[in-house]
């Protein structure tokens, strides 16, 4: 936008920064409700939005996969206790 490269244009999904490695090809047109374009940088958008901000508002919410792995260990009066928990949400 505004003649600047992609590094100066901020892309938001539902008002949040797009995840690392995100491609616009991942969204189908049916998922998009509207596209908001802010041409001028503001205090809220920060330094990444010198060229402007594109906010893609989705129908519902954009569901990115979230993986959570928790590993724990503890010692209480004797042997070591270990625990592992994997949580995958979409």
PDB file of N, CA and C in Angstrom:
ATOM      1  N   UNK A   1       0.837  -1.186   0.000  1.00  0.00           N
ATOM      2  CA  UNK A   1       0.000   0.000   0.000  1.00  0.00           C
ATOM      3  C   UNK A   1       0.872   1.236   0.000  1.00  0.00           C
ATOM      4  N   UNK A   2       0.388   2.261  -0.591  1.00  0.00           N
ATOM      5  CA  UNK A   2       1.050   3.566  -0.616  1.00  0.00           C
ATOM      6  C   UNK A   2       2.464   3.499  -1.181  1.00  0.00           C
ATOM      7  N   UNK A   3       2.733   2.527  -2.038  1.00  0.00           N
ATOM      8  CA  UNK A   3       4.030   2.424  -2.671  1.00  0.00           C
ATOM      9  C   UNK A   3       5.122   1.824  -1.812  1.00  0.00           C
ATOM     10  N   UNK A   4       4.764   1.335  -0.636  1.00  0.00           N
ATOM     11  CA  UNK A   4       5.753   0.731   0.258  1.00  0.00           C
ATOM     12  C   UNK A   4       5.648  -0.784   0.180  1.00  0.00           C
ATOM     13  N   UNK A   5       6.688  -1.464   0.546  1.00  0.00           N
ATOM     14  CA  UNK A   5       6.702  -2.928   0.513  1.00  0.00           C
ATOM     15  C   UNK A   5       5.823  -3.535   1.588  1.00  0.00           C
ATOM     16  N   UNK A   6       5.699  -4.853   1.551  1.00  0.00           N
ATOM     17  CA  UNK A   6       4.860  -5.573   2.492  1.00  0.00           C
ATOM     18  C   UNK A   6       5.288  -5.445   3.936  1.00  0.00           C
ATOM     19  N   UNK A   7       6.533  -5.133   4.185  1.00  0.00           N
ATOM     20  CA  UNK A   7       7.015  -4.993   5.546  1.00  0.00           C
ATOM     21  C   UNK A   7       6.485  -3.756   6.254  1.00  0.00           C
ATOM     22  N   UNK A   8       5.881  -2.849   5.513  1.00  0.00           N
ATOM     23  CA  UNK A   8       5.356  -1.621   6.096  1.00  0.00           C
ATOM     24  C   UNK A   8       3.831  -1.620   6.193  1.00  0.00           C
ATOM     25  N   UNK A   9       3.205  -2.674   5.737  1.00  0.00           N
ATOM     26  CA  UNK A   9       1.749  -2.790   5.798  1.00  0.00           C
ATOM     27  C   UNK A   9       1.393  -3.861   6.811  1.00  0.00           C
ATOM     28  N   UNK A  10       0.559  -3.497   7.777  1.00  0.00           N
ATOM     29  CA  UNK A  10       0.160  -4.436   8.826  1.00  0.00           C
ATOM     30  C   UNK A  10      -1.118  -5.145   8.406  1.00  0.00           C
ATOM     31  N   UNK A  11      -1.145  -6.474   8.548  1.00  0.00           N
ATOM     32  CA  UNK A  11      -2.337  -7.253   8.240  1.00  0.00           C
ATOM     33  C   UNK A  11      -2.893  -7.807   9.547  1.00  0.00           C
ATOM     34  N   UNK A  12      -4.160  -7.519   9.796  1.00  0.00           N
ATOM     35  CA  UNK A  12      -4.842  -7.984  11.000  1.00  0.00           C
ATOM     36  C   UNK A  12      -5.967  -8.927  10.608  1.00  0.00           C
ATOM     37  N   UNK A  13      -6.227  -9.912  11.470  1.00  0.00           N
ATOM     38  CA  UNK A  13      -7.376 -10.795  11.320  1.00  0.00           C
ATOM     39  C   UNK A  13      -8.253 -10.539  12.543  1.00  0.00           C
ATOM     40  N   UNK A  14      -9.442 -10.021  12.328  1.00  0.00           N
ATOM     41  CA  UNK A  14     -10.356  -9.676  13.412  1.00  0.00           C
ATOM     42  C   UNK A  14      -9.689  -8.765  14.446  1.00  0.00           C
ATOM     43  N   UNK A  15      -8.871  -7.835  13.997  1.00  0.00           N
ATOM     44  CA  UNK A  15      -8.238  -6.870  14.880  1.00  0.00           C
ATOM     45  C   UNK A  15      -6.963  -7.346  15.555  1.00  0.00           C
ATOM     46  N   UNK A  16      -6.565  -8.596  15.335  1.00  0.00           N
ATOM     47  CA  UNK A  16      -5.351  -9.151  15.926  1.00  0.00           C
ATOM     48  C   UNK A  16      -4.310  -9.357  14.823  1.00  0.00           C
ATOM     49  N   UNK A  17      -3.023  -9.200  15.136  1.00  0.00           N
ATOM     50  CA  UNK A  17      -1.992  -9.435  14.114  1.00  0.00           C
ATOM     51  C   UNK A  17      -2.088 -10.852  13.546  1.00  0.00           C
ATOM     52  N   UNK A  18      -1.890 -10.965  12.250  1.00  0.00           N
ATOM     53  CA  UNK A  18      -1.940 -12.273  11.595  1.00  0.00           C
ATOM     54  C   UNK A  18      -0.831 -13.160  12.147  1.00  0.00           C
ATOM     55  N   UNK A  19      -1.107 -14.460  12.358  1.00  0.00           N
ATOM     56  CA  UNK A  19      -0.073 -15.351  12.885  1.00  0.00           C
ATOM     57  C   UNK A  19       1.108 -15.472  11.930  1.00  0.00           C
ATOM     58  N   UNK A  20       2.270 -15.776  12.484  1.00  0.00           N
ATOM     59  CA  UNK A  20       3.478 -15.952  11.681  1.00  0.00           C
ATOM     60  C   UNK A  20       3.254 -17.070  10.669  1.00  0.00           C
ATOM     61  N   UNK A  21       3.618 -16.828   9.438  1.00  0.00           N
ATOM     62  CA  UNK A  21       3.451 -17.827   8.385  1.00  0.00           C
ATOM     63  C   UNK A  21       2.056 -17.823   7.772  1.00  0.00           C
ATOM     64  N   UNK A  22       1.199 -16.876   8.149  1.00  0.00           N
ATOM     65  CA  UNK A  22      -0.160 -16.811   7.631  1.00  0.00           C
ATOM     66  C   UNK A  22      -0.151 -16.370   6.183  1.00  0.00           C
ATOM     67  N   UNK A  23      -1.010 -16.984   5.394  1.00  0.00           N
ATOM     68  CA  UNK A  23      -1.169 -16.612   4.000  1.00  0.00           C
ATOM     69  C   UNK A  23      -2.640 -16.289   3.753  1.00  0.00           C
ATOM     70  N   UNK A  24      -2.897 -15.257   2.984  1.00  0.00           N
ATOM     71  CA  UNK A  24      -4.288 -14.901   2.681  1.00  0.00           C
ATOM     72  C   UNK A  24      -5.002 -16.015   1.927  1.00  0.00           C
ATOM     73  N   UNK A  25      -4.245 -16.907   1.298  1.00  0.00           N
ATOM     74  CA  UNK A  25      -4.848 -18.035   0.590  1.00  0.00           C
ATOM     75  C   UNK A  25      -5.529 -19.012   1.545  1.00  0.00           C
ATOM     76  N   UNK A  26      -5.217 -18.943   2.845  1.00  0.00           N
ATOM     77  CA  UNK A  26      -5.829 -19.833   3.826  1.00  0.00           C
ATOM     78  C   UNK A  26      -7.292 -19.488   4.089  1.00  0.00           C
ATOM     79  N   UNK A  27      -7.682 -18.260   3.794  1.00  0.00           N
ATOM     80  CA  UNK A  27      -9.063 -17.830   4.013  1.00  0.00           C
ATOM     81  C   UNK A  27      -9.859 -17.974   2.728  1.00  0.00           C
ATOM     82  N   UNK A  28     -11.019 -18.597   2.826  1.00  0.00           N
ATOM     83  CA  UNK A  28     -11.890 -18.667   1.662  1.00  0.00           C
ATOM     84  C   UNK A  28     -12.787 -17.436   1.663  1.00  0.00           C
ATOM     85  N   UNK A  29     -13.284 -17.013   0.516  1.00  0.00           N
ATOM     86  CA  UNK A  29     -14.149 -15.831   0.466  1.00  0.00           C
ATOM     87  C   UNK A  29     -15.392 -15.956   1.353  1.00  0.00           C
ATOM     88  N   UNK A  30     -15.862 -17.180   1.595  1.00  0.00           N
ATOM     89  CA  UNK A  30     -17.038 -17.379   2.436  1.00  0.00           C
ATOM     90  C   UNK A  30     -16.754 -17.038   3.899  1.00  0.00           C
ATOM     91  N   UNK A  31     -15.499 -17.091   4.325  1.00  0.00           N
ATOM     92  CA  UNK A  31     -15.123 -16.793   5.700  1.00  0.00           C
ATOM     93  C   UNK A  31     -15.015 -15.297   5.977  1.00  0.00           C
ATOM     94  N   UNK A  32     -14.912 -14.480   4.935  1.00  0.00           N
ATOM     95  CA  UNK A  32     -14.660 -13.053   5.098  1.00  0.00           C
ATOM     96  C   UNK A  32     -15.978 -12.286   5.097  1.00  0.00           C
ATOM     97  N   UNK A  33     -16.168 -11.496   6.151  1.00  0.00           N
ATOM     98  CA  UNK A  33     -17.350 -10.632   6.231  1.00  0.00           C
ATOM     99  C   UNK A  33     -17.084  -9.297   5.550  1.00  0.00           C
ATOM    100  N   UNK A  34     -15.933  -8.682   5.880  1.00  0.00           N
ATOM    101  CA  UNK A  34     -15.564  -7.415   5.254  1.00  0.00           C
ATOM    102  C   UNK A  34     -14.059  -7.189   5.415  1.00  0.00           C
ATOM    103  N   UNK A  35     -13.541  -6.240   4.637  1.00  0.00           N
ATOM    104  CA  UNK A  35     -12.136  -5.856   4.708  1.00  0.00           C
ATOM    105  C   UNK A  35     -12.078  -4.362   5.003  1.00  0.00           C
ATOM    106  N   UNK A  36     -11.398  -4.013   6.070  1.00  0.00           N
ATOM    107  CA  UNK A  36     -11.238  -2.614   6.455  1.00  0.00           C
ATOM    108  C   UNK A  36      -9.827  -2.170   6.107  1.00  0.00           C
ATOM    109  N   UNK A  37      -9.694  -1.009   5.491  1.00  0.00           N
ATOM    110  CA  UNK A  37      -8.380  -0.491   5.101  1.00  0.00           C
ATOM    111  C   UNK A  37      -8.169   0.856   5.775  1.00  0.00           C
ATOM    112  N   UNK A  38      -7.092   0.950   6.541  1.00  0.00           N
ATOM    113  CA  UNK A  38      -6.693   2.205   7.170  1.00  0.00           C
ATOM    114  C   UNK A  38      -5.434   2.669   6.449  1.00  0.00           C
ATOM    115  N   UNK A  39      -5.525   3.773   5.767  1.00  0.00           N
ATOM    116  CA  UNK A  39      -4.416   4.218   4.924  1.00  0.00           C
ATOM    117  C   UNK A  39      -3.333   4.946   5.688  1.00  0.00           C
ATOM    118  N   UNK A  40      -3.659   5.522   6.818  1.00  0.00           N
ATOM    119  CA  UNK A  40      -2.668   6.298   7.570  1.00  0.00           C
ATOM    120  C   UNK A  40      -2.302   5.579   8.864  1.00  0.00           C
ATOM    121  N   UNK A  41      -1.047   5.667   9.288  1.00  0.00           N
ATOM    122  CA  UNK A  41      -0.670   5.067  10.560  1.00  0.00           C
ATOM    123  C   UNK A  41      -1.275   5.852  11.726  1.00  0.00           C
ATOM    124  N   UNK A  42      -1.629   5.128  12.778  1.00  0.00           N
ATOM    125  CA  UNK A  42      -2.151   5.767  13.988  1.00  0.00           C
ATOM    126  C   UNK A  42      -1.368   5.251  15.184  1.00  0.00           C
ATOM    127  N   UNK A  43      -1.599   5.837  16.341  1.00  0.00           N
ATOM    128  CA  UNK A  43      -0.903   5.396  17.552  1.00  0.00           C
ATOM    129  C   UNK A  43      -1.276   3.962  17.904  1.00  0.00           C
ATOM    130  N   UNK A  44      -2.505   3.550  17.602  1.00  0.00           N
ATOM    131  CA  UNK A  44      -2.944   2.197  17.934  1.00  0.00           C
ATOM    132  C   UNK A  44      -2.289   1.128  17.048  1.00  0.00           C
ATOM    133  N   UNK A  45      -1.970   1.463  15.811  1.00  0.00           N
ATOM    134  CA  UNK A  45      -1.423   0.465  14.889  1.00  0.00           C
ATOM    135  C   UNK A  45       0.077   0.295  15.020  1.00  0.00           C
ATOM    136  N   UNK A  46       0.787   1.273  15.545  1.00  0.00           N
ATOM    137  CA  UNK A  46       2.208   1.128  15.789  1.00  0.00           C
ATOM    138  C   UNK A  46       3.081   1.332  14.566  1.00  0.00           C
ATOM    139  N   UNK A  47       4.351   1.008  14.719  1.00  0.00           N
ATOM    140  CA  UNK A  47       5.345   1.261  13.681  1.00  0.00           C
ATOM    141  C   UNK A  47       5.248   0.306  12.502  1.00  0.00           C
ATOM    142  N   UNK A  48       4.577  -0.826  12.674  1.00  0.00           N
ATOM    143  CA  UNK A  48       4.469  -1.777  11.566  1.00  0.00           C
ATOM    144  C   UNK A  48       3.471  -1.327  10.507  1.00  0.00           C
ATOM    145  N   UNK A  49       2.731  -0.269  10.788  1.00  0.00           N
ATOM    146  CA  UNK A  49       1.671   0.161   9.881  1.00  0.00           C
ATOM    147  C   UNK A  49       1.988   1.486   9.203  1.00  0.00           C
ATOM    148  N   UNK A  50       3.241   1.710   8.865  1.00  0.00           N
ATOM    149  CA  UNK A  50       3.614   2.962   8.215  1.00  0.00           C
ATOM    150  C   UNK A  50       2.896   3.091   6.872  1.00  0.00           C
ATOM    151  N   UNK A  51       2.791   1.995   6.144  1.00  0.00           N
ATOM    152  CA  UNK A  51       2.112   2.006   4.849  1.00  0.00           C
ATOM    153  C   UNK A  51       0.610   1.874   4.972  1.00  0.00           C
ATOM    154  N   UNK A  52       0.103   1.525   6.143  1.00  0.00           N
ATOM    155  CA  UNK A  52      -1.324   1.350   6.342  1.00  0.00           C
ATOM    156  C   UNK A  52      -1.619   0.021   7.019  1.00  0.00           C
ATOM    157  N   UNK A  53      -2.898  -0.219   7.273  1.00  0.00           N
ATOM    158  CA  UNK A  53      -3.334  -1.443   7.935  1.00  0.00           C
ATOM    159  C   UNK A  53      -4.487  -2.047   7.159  1.00  0.00           C
ATOM    160  N   UNK A  54      -4.458  -3.358   6.978  1.00  0.00           N
ATOM    161  CA  UNK A  54      -5.565  -4.100   6.383  1.00  0.00           C
ATOM    162  C   UNK A  54      -6.112  -5.007   7.469  1.00  0.00           C
ATOM    163  N   UNK A  55      -7.374  -4.801   7.840  1.00  0.00           N
ATOM    164  CA  UNK A  55      -8.032  -5.625   8.852  1.00  0.00           C
ATOM    165  C   UNK A  55      -9.075  -6.484   8.156  1.00  0.00           C
ATOM    166  N   UNK A  56      -8.906  -7.787   8.209  1.00  0.00           N
ATOM    167  CA  UNK A  56      -9.854  -8.724   7.604  1.00  0.00           C
ATOM    168  C   UNK A  56     -10.783  -9.210   8.711  1.00  0.00           C
ATOM    169  N   UNK A  57     -12.054  -8.859   8.598  1.00  0.00           N
ATOM    170  CA  UNK A  57     -13.055  -9.252   9.584  1.00  0.00           C
ATOM    171  C   UNK A  57     -13.748 -10.497   9.060  1.00  0.00           C
ATOM    172  N   UNK A  58     -13.681 -11.571   9.840  1.00  0.00           N
ATOM    173  CA  UNK A  58     -14.241 -12.847   9.399  1.00  0.00           C
ATOM    174  C   UNK A  58     -15.645 -13.057   9.955  1.00  0.00           C
ATOM    175  N   UNK A  59     -16.387 -13.929   9.304  1.00  0.00           N
ATOM    176  CA  UNK A  59     -17.691 -14.344   9.816  1.00  0.00           C
ATOM    177  C   UNK A  59     -17.411 -15.317  10.947  1.00  0.00           C
ATOM    178  N   UNK A  60     -17.941 -15.057  12.111  1.00  0.00           N
ATOM    179  CA  UNK A  60     -17.578 -15.889  13.262  1.00  0.00           C
ATOM    180  C   UNK A  60     -16.173 -15.504  13.670  1.00  0.00           C
ATOM    181  N   UNK A  61     -15.335 -16.476  13.867  1.00  0.00           N
ATOM    182  CA  UNK A  61     -13.949 -16.182  14.206  1.00  0.00           C
ATOM    183  C   UNK A  61     -13.040 -17.090  13.403  1.00  0.00           C
ATOM    184  N   UNK A  62     -11.881 -16.593  13.102  1.00  0.00           N
ATOM    185  CA  UNK A  62     -10.881 -17.374  12.381  1.00  0.00           C
ATOM    186  C   UNK A  62     -10.294 -18.386  13.338  1.00  0.00           C
ATOM    187  N   UNK A  63     -10.486 -19.648  13.060  1.00  0.00           N
ATOM    188  CA  UNK A  63     -10.008 -20.694  13.965  1.00  0.00           C
ATOM    189  C   UNK A  63      -8.631 -21.181  13.590  1.00  0.00           C
ATOM    190  N   UNK A  64      -7.662 -20.750  14.329  1.00  0.00           N
ATOM    191  CA  UNK A  64      -6.326 -21.275  14.109  1.00  0.00           C
ATOM    192  C   UNK A  64      -6.093 -22.393  15.117  1.00  0.00           C
ATOM    193  N   UNK A  65      -5.318 -23.356  14.728  1.00  0.00           N
ATOM    194  CA  UNK A  65      -5.034 -24.474  15.616  1.00  0.00           C
ATOM    195  C   UNK A  65      -4.090 -24.024  16.717  1.00  0.00           C
ATOM    196  N   UNK A  66      -4.396 -24.478  17.906  1.00  0.00           N
ATOM    197  CA  UNK A  66      -3.553 -24.134  19.040  1.00  0.00           C
ATOM    198  C   UNK A  66      -3.127 -25.430  19.712  1.00  0.00           C
ATOM    199  N   UNK A  67      -1.857 -25.642  19.798  1.00  0.00           N
ATOM    200  CA  UNK A  67      -1.305 -26.820  20.455  1.00  0.00           C
ATOM    201  C   UNK A  67      -0.637 -26.384  21.746  1.00  0.00           C
ATOM    202  N   UNK A  68      -0.862 -27.165  22.802  1.00  0.00           N
ATOM    203  CA  UNK A  68      -0.315 -26.830  24.106  1.00  0.00           C
ATOM    204  C   UNK A  68       0.274 -28.099  24.713  1.00  0.00           C
ATOM    205  N   UNK A  69       1.549 -28.088  25.008  1.00  0.00           N
ATOM    206  CA  UNK A  69       2.223 -29.221  25.617  1.00  0.00           C
ATOM    207  C   UNK A  69       2.781 -28.768  26.960  1.00  0.00           C
ATOM    208  N   UNK A  70       2.390 -29.472  28.034  1.00  0.00           N
ATOM    209  CA  UNK A  70       2.881 -29.152  29.369  1.00  0.00           C
ATOM    210  C   UNK A  70       3.574 -30.380  29.940  1.00  0.00           C
ATOM    211  N   UNK A  71       4.787 -30.173  30.406  1.00  0.00           N
ATOM    212  CA  UNK A  71       5.583 -31.249  30.996  1.00  0.00           C
ATOM    213  C   UNK A  71       5.964 -30.801  32.409  1.00  0.00           C
ATOM    214  N   UNK A  72       5.751 -31.684  33.361  1.00  0.00           N
ATOM    215  CA  UNK A  72       6.055 -31.329  34.739  1.00  0.00           C
ATOM    216  C   UNK A  72       6.729 -32.468  35.475  1.00  0.00           C
ATOM    217  N   UNK A  73       7.465 -32.123  36.515  1.00  0.00           N
ATOM    218  CA  UNK A  73       8.118 -33.112  37.362  1.00  0.00           C
ATOM    219  C   UNK A  73       8.139 -32.567  38.787  1.00  0.00           C
ATOM    220  N   UNK A  74       8.025 -33.479  39.737  1.00  0.00           N
ATOM    221  CA  UNK A  74       8.041 -33.060  41.123  1.00  0.00           C
ATOM    222  C   UNK A  74       8.518 -34.185  42.030  1.00  0.00           C
ATOM    223  N   UNK A  75       9.045 -33.801  43.177  1.00  0.00           N
ATOM    224  CA  UNK A  75       9.513 -34.774  44.168  1.00  0.00           C
ATOM    225  C   UNK A  75       8.822 -34.453  45.484  1.00  0.00           C
ATOM    226  N   UNK A  76       8.205 -35.495  46.073  1.00  0.00           N
ATOM    227  CA  UNK A  76       7.568 -35.308  47.369  1.00  0.00           C
ATOM    228  C   UNK A  76       7.704 -36.604  48.164  1.00  0.00           C
ATOM    229  N   UNK A  77       8.525 -36.579  49.177  1.00  0.00           N
ATOM    230  CA  UNK A  77       8.726 -37.737  50.056  1.00  0.00           C
ATOM    231  C   UNK A  77       9.043 -39.026  49.305  1.00  0.00           C
ATOM    232  N   UNK A  78       9.992 -38.999  48.447  1.00  0.00           N
ATOM    233  CA  UNK A  78      10.371 -40.243  47.789  1.00  0.00           C
ATOM    234  C   UNK A  78      10.598 -40.091  46.294  1.00  0.00           C
ATOM    235  N   UNK A  79       9.928 -40.953  45.510  1.00  0.00           N
ATOM    236  CA  UNK A  79      10.218 -40.996  44.076  1.00  0.00           C
ATOM    237  C   UNK A  79       9.733 -39.743  43.328  1.00  0.00           C
ATOM    238  N   UNK A  80      10.350 -39.530  42.179  1.00  0.00           N
ATOM    239  CA  UNK A  80       9.993 -38.407  41.315  1.00  0.00           C
ATOM    240  C   UNK A  80       8.682 -38.704  40.601  1.00  0.00           C
ATOM    241  N   UNK A  81       7.813 -37.725  40.554  1.00  0.00           N
ATOM    242  CA  UNK A  81       6.548 -37.857  39.828  1.00  0.00           C
ATOM    243  C   UNK A  81       6.630 -37.009  38.564  1.00  0.00           C
ATOM    244  N   UNK A  82       6.220 -37.595  37.447  1.00  0.00           N
ATOM    245  CA  UNK A  82       6.275 -36.899  36.170  1.00  0.00           C
ATOM    246  C   UNK A  82       4.875 -36.821  35.589  1.00  0.00           C
ATOM    247  N   UNK A  83       4.635 -35.729  34.872  1.00  0.00           N
ATOM    248  CA  UNK A  83       3.344 -35.596  34.194  1.00  0.00           C
ATOM    249  C   UNK A  83       3.547 -34.934  32.840  1.00  0.00           C
ATOM    250  N   UNK A  84       2.738 -35.341  31.882  1.00  0.00           N
ATOM    251  CA  UNK A  84       2.756 -34.786  30.546  1.00  0.00           C
ATOM    252  C   UNK A  84       1.316 -34.574  30.103  1.00  0.00           C
ATOM    253  N   UNK A  85       1.029 -33.410  29.553  1.00  0.00           N
ATOM    254  CA  UNK A  85      -0.329 -33.146  29.069  1.00  0.00           C
ATOM    255  C   UNK A  85      -0.269 -32.465  27.718  1.00  0.00           C
ATOM    256  N   UNK A  86      -1.024 -32.980  26.766  1.00  0.00           N
ATOM    257  CA  UNK A  86      -1.084 -32.444  25.406  1.00  0.00           C
ATOM    258  C   UNK A  86      -2.513 -31.975  25.170  1.00  0.00           C
ATOM    259  N   UNK A  87      -2.686 -30.732  24.734  1.00  0.00           N
ATOM    260  CA  UNK A  87      -4.000 -30.193  24.463  1.00  0.00           C
ATOM    261  C   UNK A  87      -3.988 -29.616  23.061  1.00  0.00           C
ATOM    262  N   UNK A  88      -4.898 -30.083  22.234  1.00  0.00           N
ATOM    263  CA  UNK A  88      -4.994 -29.572  20.866  1.00  0.00           C
ATOM    264  C   UNK A  88      -6.395 -29.031  20.669  1.00  0.00           C
ATOM    265  N   UNK A  89      -6.486 -27.742  20.371  1.00  0.00           N
ATOM    266  CA  UNK A  89      -7.779 -27.100  20.146  1.00  0.00           C
ATOM    267  C   UNK A  89      -7.788 -26.489  18.755  1.00  0.00           C
ATOM    268  N   UNK A  90      -8.946 -26.475  18.137  1.00  0.00           N
ATOM    269  CA  UNK A  90      -9.075 -25.844  16.816  1.00  0.00           C
ATOM    270  C   UNK A  90      -9.991 -24.658  16.889  1.00  0.00           C
TER     271      UNK A  90
END
